[in-house]
């Protein structure tokens, strides 16, 4: 039901609006991926501060 209504909604939008919506969703996804990668690095102790301390 959700997929059907989403497709129907996308068909009703202007093509320019659809492009903006896609770019907004891509931007949000990239931001989320960066946050997840950063959290994983911190949890694993791979942040930049610990690397620079280890090198000294």
PDB file of N, CA and C in Angstrom:
ATOM      1  N   UNK A   1       0.831  -1.197   0.000  1.00  0.00           N
ATOM      2  CA  UNK A   1       0.000   0.000   0.000  1.00  0.00           C
ATOM      3  C   UNK A   1       0.869   1.251   0.000  1.00  0.00           C
ATOM      4  N   UNK A   2       1.887   1.258   0.836  1.00  0.00           N
ATOM      5  CA  UNK A   2       2.761   2.428   0.906  1.00  0.00           C
ATOM      6  C   UNK A   2       3.500   2.623  -0.420  1.00  0.00           C
ATOM      7  N   UNK A   3       4.017   1.525  -0.969  1.00  0.00           N
ATOM      8  CA  UNK A   3       4.754   1.620  -2.232  1.00  0.00           C
ATOM      9  C   UNK A   3       3.847   2.137  -3.341  1.00  0.00           C
ATOM     10  N   UNK A   4       2.616   1.669  -3.369  1.00  0.00           N
ATOM     11  CA  UNK A   4       1.676   2.116  -4.396  1.00  0.00           C
ATOM     12  C   UNK A   4       1.394   3.597  -4.253  1.00  0.00           C
ATOM     13  N   UNK A   5       1.133   4.045  -3.036  1.00  0.00           N
ATOM     14  CA  UNK A   5       0.834   5.457  -2.838  1.00  0.00           C
ATOM     15  C   UNK A   5       2.064   6.316  -3.104  1.00  0.00           C
ATOM     16  N   UNK A   6       3.255   5.794  -2.801  1.00  0.00           N
ATOM     17  CA  UNK A   6       4.476   6.542  -3.073  1.00  0.00           C
ATOM     18  C   UNK A   6       4.684   6.697  -4.571  1.00  0.00           C
ATOM     19  N   UNK A   7       4.456   5.633  -5.322  1.00  0.00           N
ATOM     20  CA  UNK A   7       4.593   5.696  -6.779  1.00  0.00           C
ATOM     21  C   UNK A   7       3.568   6.663  -7.349  1.00  0.00           C
ATOM     22  N   UNK A   8       2.350   6.583  -6.849  1.00  0.00           N
ATOM     23  CA  UNK A   8       1.297   7.478  -7.324  1.00  0.00           C
ATOM     24  C   UNK A   8       1.678   8.927  -7.017  1.00  0.00           C
ATOM     25  N   UNK A   9       2.207   9.170  -5.831  1.00  0.00           N
ATOM     26  CA  UNK A   9       2.629  10.510  -5.434  1.00  0.00           C
ATOM     27  C   UNK A   9       3.748  11.004  -6.346  1.00  0.00           C
ATOM     28  N   UNK A  10       4.699  10.136  -6.647  1.00  0.00           N
ATOM     29  CA  UNK A  10       5.818  10.519  -7.505  1.00  0.00           C
ATOM     30  C   UNK A  10       5.329  10.856  -8.911  1.00  0.00           C
ATOM     31  N   UNK A  11       4.327  10.156  -9.385  1.00  0.00           N
ATOM     32  CA  UNK A  11       3.788  10.436 -10.722  1.00  0.00           C
ATOM     33  C   UNK A  11       3.109  11.792 -10.771  1.00  0.00           C
ATOM     34  N   UNK A  12       2.539  12.237  -9.657  1.00  0.00           N
ATOM     35  CA  UNK A  12       1.831  13.514  -9.622  1.00  0.00           C
ATOM     36  C   UNK A  12       2.785  14.695  -9.516  1.00  0.00           C
ATOM     37  N   UNK A  13       4.029  14.460  -9.148  1.00  0.00           N
ATOM     38  CA  UNK A  13       4.987  15.546  -8.999  1.00  0.00           C
ATOM     39  C   UNK A  13       5.548  15.982 -10.342  1.00  0.00           C
ATOM     40  N   UNK A  14       5.943  17.220 -10.392  1.00  0.00           N
ATOM     41  CA  UNK A  14       6.659  17.748 -11.544  1.00  0.00           C
ATOM     42  C   UNK A  14       8.033  17.075 -11.608  1.00  0.00           C
ATOM     43  N   UNK A  15       8.548  16.782 -12.787  1.00  0.00           N
ATOM     44  CA  UNK A  15       9.870  16.131 -12.886  1.00  0.00           C
ATOM     45  C   UNK A  15      10.983  16.877 -12.147  1.00  0.00           C
ATOM     46  N   UNK A  16      10.925  18.204 -12.131  1.00  0.00           N
ATOM     47  CA  UNK A  16      11.930  18.976 -11.390  1.00  0.00           C
ATOM     48  C   UNK A  16      11.811  18.736  -9.891  1.00  0.00           C
ATOM     49  N   UNK A  17      10.566  18.645  -9.407  1.00  0.00           N
ATOM     50  CA  UNK A  17      10.353  18.363  -7.987  1.00  0.00           C
ATOM     51  C   UNK A  17      10.880  16.984  -7.626  1.00  0.00           C
ATOM     52  N   UNK A  18      10.678  16.018  -8.519  1.00  0.00           N
ATOM     53  CA  UNK A  18      11.170  14.661  -8.277  1.00  0.00           C
ATOM     54  C   UNK A  18      12.688  14.676  -8.176  1.00  0.00           C
ATOM     55  N   UNK A  19      13.357  15.419  -9.060  1.00  0.00           N
ATOM     56  CA  UNK A  19      14.820  15.490  -9.040  1.00  0.00           C
ATOM     57  C   UNK A  19      15.309  16.101  -7.728  1.00  0.00           C
ATOM     58  N   UNK A  20      14.640  17.170  -7.273  1.00  0.00           N
ATOM     59  CA  UNK A  20      15.025  17.787  -5.999  1.00  0.00           C
ATOM     60  C   UNK A  20      14.803  16.824  -4.840  1.00  0.00           C
ATOM     61  N   UNK A  21      13.701  16.085  -4.888  1.00  0.00           N
ATOM     62  CA  UNK A  21      13.405  15.113  -3.839  1.00  0.00           C
ATOM     63  C   UNK A  21      14.472  14.029  -3.801  1.00  0.00           C
ATOM     64  N   UNK A  22      14.876  13.534  -4.981  1.00  0.00           N
ATOM     65  CA  UNK A  22      15.922  12.512  -5.045  1.00  0.00           C
ATOM     66  C   UNK A  22      17.233  13.045  -4.497  1.00  0.00           C
ATOM     67  N   UNK A  23      17.596  14.287  -4.856  1.00  0.00           N
ATOM     68  CA  UNK A  23      18.866  14.834  -4.378  1.00  0.00           C
ATOM     69  C   UNK A  23      18.825  15.063  -2.870  1.00  0.00           C
ATOM     70  N   UNK A  24      17.673  15.482  -2.341  1.00  0.00           N
ATOM     71  CA  UNK A  24      17.538  15.644  -0.891  1.00  0.00           C
ATOM     72  C   UNK A  24      17.684  14.304  -0.182  1.00  0.00           C
ATOM     73  N   UNK A  25      17.090  13.254  -0.754  1.00  0.00           N
ATOM     74  CA  UNK A  25      17.185  11.927  -0.143  1.00  0.00           C
ATOM     75  C   UNK A  25      18.621  11.411  -0.215  1.00  0.00           C
ATOM     76  N   UNK A  26      19.293  11.673  -1.325  1.00  0.00           N
ATOM     77  CA  UNK A  26      20.687  11.249  -1.468  1.00  0.00           C
ATOM     78  C   UNK A  26      21.554  11.961  -0.451  1.00  0.00           C
ATOM     79  N   UNK A  27      21.340  13.261  -0.289  1.00  0.00           N
ATOM     80  CA  UNK A  27      22.111  14.044   0.673  1.00  0.00           C
ATOM     81  C   UNK A  27      21.912  13.495   2.085  1.00  0.00           C
ATOM     82  N   UNK A  28      20.667  13.180   2.435  1.00  0.00           N
ATOM     83  CA  UNK A  28      20.376  12.631   3.765  1.00  0.00           C
ATOM     84  C   UNK A  28      21.037  11.274   3.955  1.00  0.00           C
ATOM     85  N   UNK A  29      21.001  10.434   2.913  1.00  0.00           N
ATOM     86  CA  UNK A  29      21.608   9.104   3.003  1.00  0.00           C
ATOM     87  C   UNK A  29      23.117   9.211   3.181  1.00  0.00           C
ATOM     88  N   UNK A  30      23.747  10.113   2.432  1.00  0.00           N
ATOM     89  CA  UNK A  30      25.197  10.290   2.556  1.00  0.00           C
ATOM     90  C   UNK A  30      25.543  10.789   3.950  1.00  0.00           C
ATOM     91  N   UNK A  31      24.765  11.728   4.467  1.00  0.00           N
ATOM     92  CA  UNK A  31      25.010  12.258   5.815  1.00  0.00           C
ATOM     93  C   UNK A  31      24.906  11.137   6.845  1.00  0.00           C
ATOM     94  N   UNK A  32      23.899  10.278   6.706  1.00  0.00           N
ATOM     95  CA  UNK A  32      23.721   9.155   7.630  1.00  0.00           C
ATOM     96  C   UNK A  32      24.887   8.178   7.531  1.00  0.00           C
ATOM     97  N   UNK A  33      25.340   7.886   6.304  1.00  0.00           N
ATOM     98  CA  UNK A  33      26.468   6.969   6.131  1.00  0.00           C
ATOM     99  C   UNK A  33      27.730   7.525   6.780  1.00  0.00           C
ATOM    100  N   UNK A  34      27.966   8.823   6.653  1.00  0.00           N
ATOM    101  CA  UNK A  34      29.140   9.443   7.276  1.00  0.00           C
ATOM    102  C   UNK A  34      29.038   9.335   8.790  1.00  0.00           C
ATOM    103  N   UNK A  35      27.847   9.590   9.336  1.00  0.00           N
ATOM    104  CA  UNK A  35      27.663   9.485  10.783  1.00  0.00           C
ATOM    105  C   UNK A  35      27.922   8.060  11.259  1.00  0.00           C
ATOM    106  N   UNK A  36      27.426   7.085  10.527  1.00  0.00           N
ATOM    107  CA  UNK A  36      27.620   5.682  10.913  1.00  0.00           C
ATOM    108  C   UNK A  36      29.098   5.316  10.847  1.00  0.00           C
ATOM    109  N   UNK A  37      29.779   5.708   9.757  1.00  0.00           N
ATOM    110  CA  UNK A  37      31.206   5.401   9.621  1.00  0.00           C
ATOM    111  C   UNK A  37      32.008   6.038  10.750  1.00  0.00           C
ATOM    112  N   UNK A  38      31.680   7.269  11.097  1.00  0.00           N
ATOM    113  CA  UNK A  38      32.382   7.961  12.179  1.00  0.00           C
ATOM    114  C   UNK A  38      32.168   7.241  13.499  1.00  0.00           C
ATOM    115  N   UNK A  39      30.926   6.838  13.770  1.00  0.00           N
ATOM    116  CA  UNK A  39      30.637   6.135  15.019  1.00  0.00           C
ATOM    117  C   UNK A  39      31.382   4.806  15.074  1.00  0.00           C
ATOM    118  N   UNK A  40      31.427   4.080  13.966  1.00  0.00           N
ATOM    119  CA  UNK A  40      32.144   2.802  13.926  1.00  0.00           C
ATOM    120  C   UNK A  40      33.624   3.027  14.204  1.00  0.00           C
ATOM    121  N   UNK A  41      34.198   4.068  13.603  1.00  0.00           N
ATOM    122  CA  UNK A  41      35.618   4.361  13.823  1.00  0.00           C
ATOM    123  C   UNK A  41      35.884   4.698  15.284  1.00  0.00           C
ATOM    124  N   UNK A  42      35.002   5.481  15.884  1.00  0.00           N
ATOM    125  CA  UNK A  42      35.183   5.856  17.292  1.00  0.00           C
ATOM    126  C   UNK A  42      35.066   4.624  18.180  1.00  0.00           C
ATOM    127  N   UNK A  43      34.073   3.790  17.916  1.00  0.00           N
ATOM    128  CA  UNK A  43      33.879   2.580  18.714  1.00  0.00           C
ATOM    129  C   UNK A  43      35.086   1.659  18.586  1.00  0.00           C
ATOM    130  N   UNK A  44      35.651   1.580  17.389  1.00  0.00           N
ATOM    131  CA  UNK A  44      36.811   0.724  17.153  1.00  0.00           C
ATOM    132  C   UNK A  44      38.129   1.395  17.540  1.00  0.00           C
ATOM    133  N   UNK A  45      38.063   2.628  18.021  1.00  0.00           N
ATOM    134  CA  UNK A  45      39.270   3.337  18.435  1.00  0.00           C
ATOM    135  C   UNK A  45      40.130   3.782  17.268  1.00  0.00           C
ATOM    136  N   UNK A  46      39.504   4.073  16.141  1.00  0.00           N
ATOM    137  CA  UNK A  46      40.249   4.455  14.952  1.00  0.00           C
ATOM    138  C   UNK A  46      40.127   5.941  14.652  1.00  0.00           C
ATOM    139  N   UNK A  47      39.802   6.755  15.641  1.00  0.00           N
ATOM    140  CA  UNK A  47      39.673   8.179  15.362  1.00  0.00           C
ATOM    141  C   UNK A  47      41.046   8.810  15.128  1.00  0.00           C
ATOM    142  N   UNK A  48      41.064   9.979  14.530  1.00  0.00           N
ATOM    143  CA  UNK A  48      42.311  10.637  14.132  1.00  0.00           C
ATOM    144  C   UNK A  48      43.189  10.988  15.332  1.00  0.00           C
ATOM    145  N   UNK A  49      42.589  11.368  16.449  1.00  0.00           N
ATOM    146  CA  UNK A  49      43.385  11.748  17.620  1.00  0.00           C
ATOM    147  C   UNK A  49      44.210  10.579  18.132  1.00  0.00           C
ATOM    148  N   UNK A  50      43.621   9.406  18.185  1.00  0.00           N
ATOM    149  CA  UNK A  50      44.377   8.257  18.684  1.00  0.00           C
ATOM    150  C   UNK A  50      45.473   7.872  17.706  1.00  0.00           C
ATOM    151  N   UNK A  51      45.248   8.047  16.412  1.00  0.00           N
ATOM    152  CA  UNK A  51      46.288   7.754  15.427  1.00  0.00           C
ATOM    153  C   UNK A  51      47.468   8.696  15.598  1.00  0.00           C
ATOM    154  N   UNK A  52      47.185   9.987  15.775  1.00  0.00           N
ATOM    155  CA  UNK A  52      48.276  10.955  15.911  1.00  0.00           C
ATOM    156  C   UNK A  52      49.026  10.739  17.224  1.00  0.00           C
ATOM    157  N   UNK A  53      48.336  10.338  18.275  1.00  0.00           N
ATOM    158  CA  UNK A  53      49.013  10.056  19.549  1.00  0.00           C
ATOM    159  C   UNK A  53      49.902   8.832  19.424  1.00  0.00           C
ATOM    160  N   UNK A  54      49.436   7.828  18.689  1.00  0.00           N
ATOM    161  CA  UNK A  54      50.218   6.605  18.519  1.00  0.00           C
ATOM    162  C   UNK A  54      51.489   6.855  17.722  1.00  0.00           C
ATOM    163  N   UNK A  55      51.449   7.805  16.808  1.00  0.00           N
ATOM    164  CA  UNK A  55      52.606   8.080  15.961  1.00  0.00           C
ATOM    165  C   UNK A  55      53.693   8.840  16.701  1.00  0.00           C
ATOM    166  N   UNK A  56      53.341   9.552  17.766  1.00  0.00           N
ATOM    167  CA  UNK A  56      54.335  10.369  18.502  1.00  0.00           C
ATOM    168  C   UNK A  56      55.202   9.536  19.399  1.00  0.00           C
TER     169      UNK A  56
END
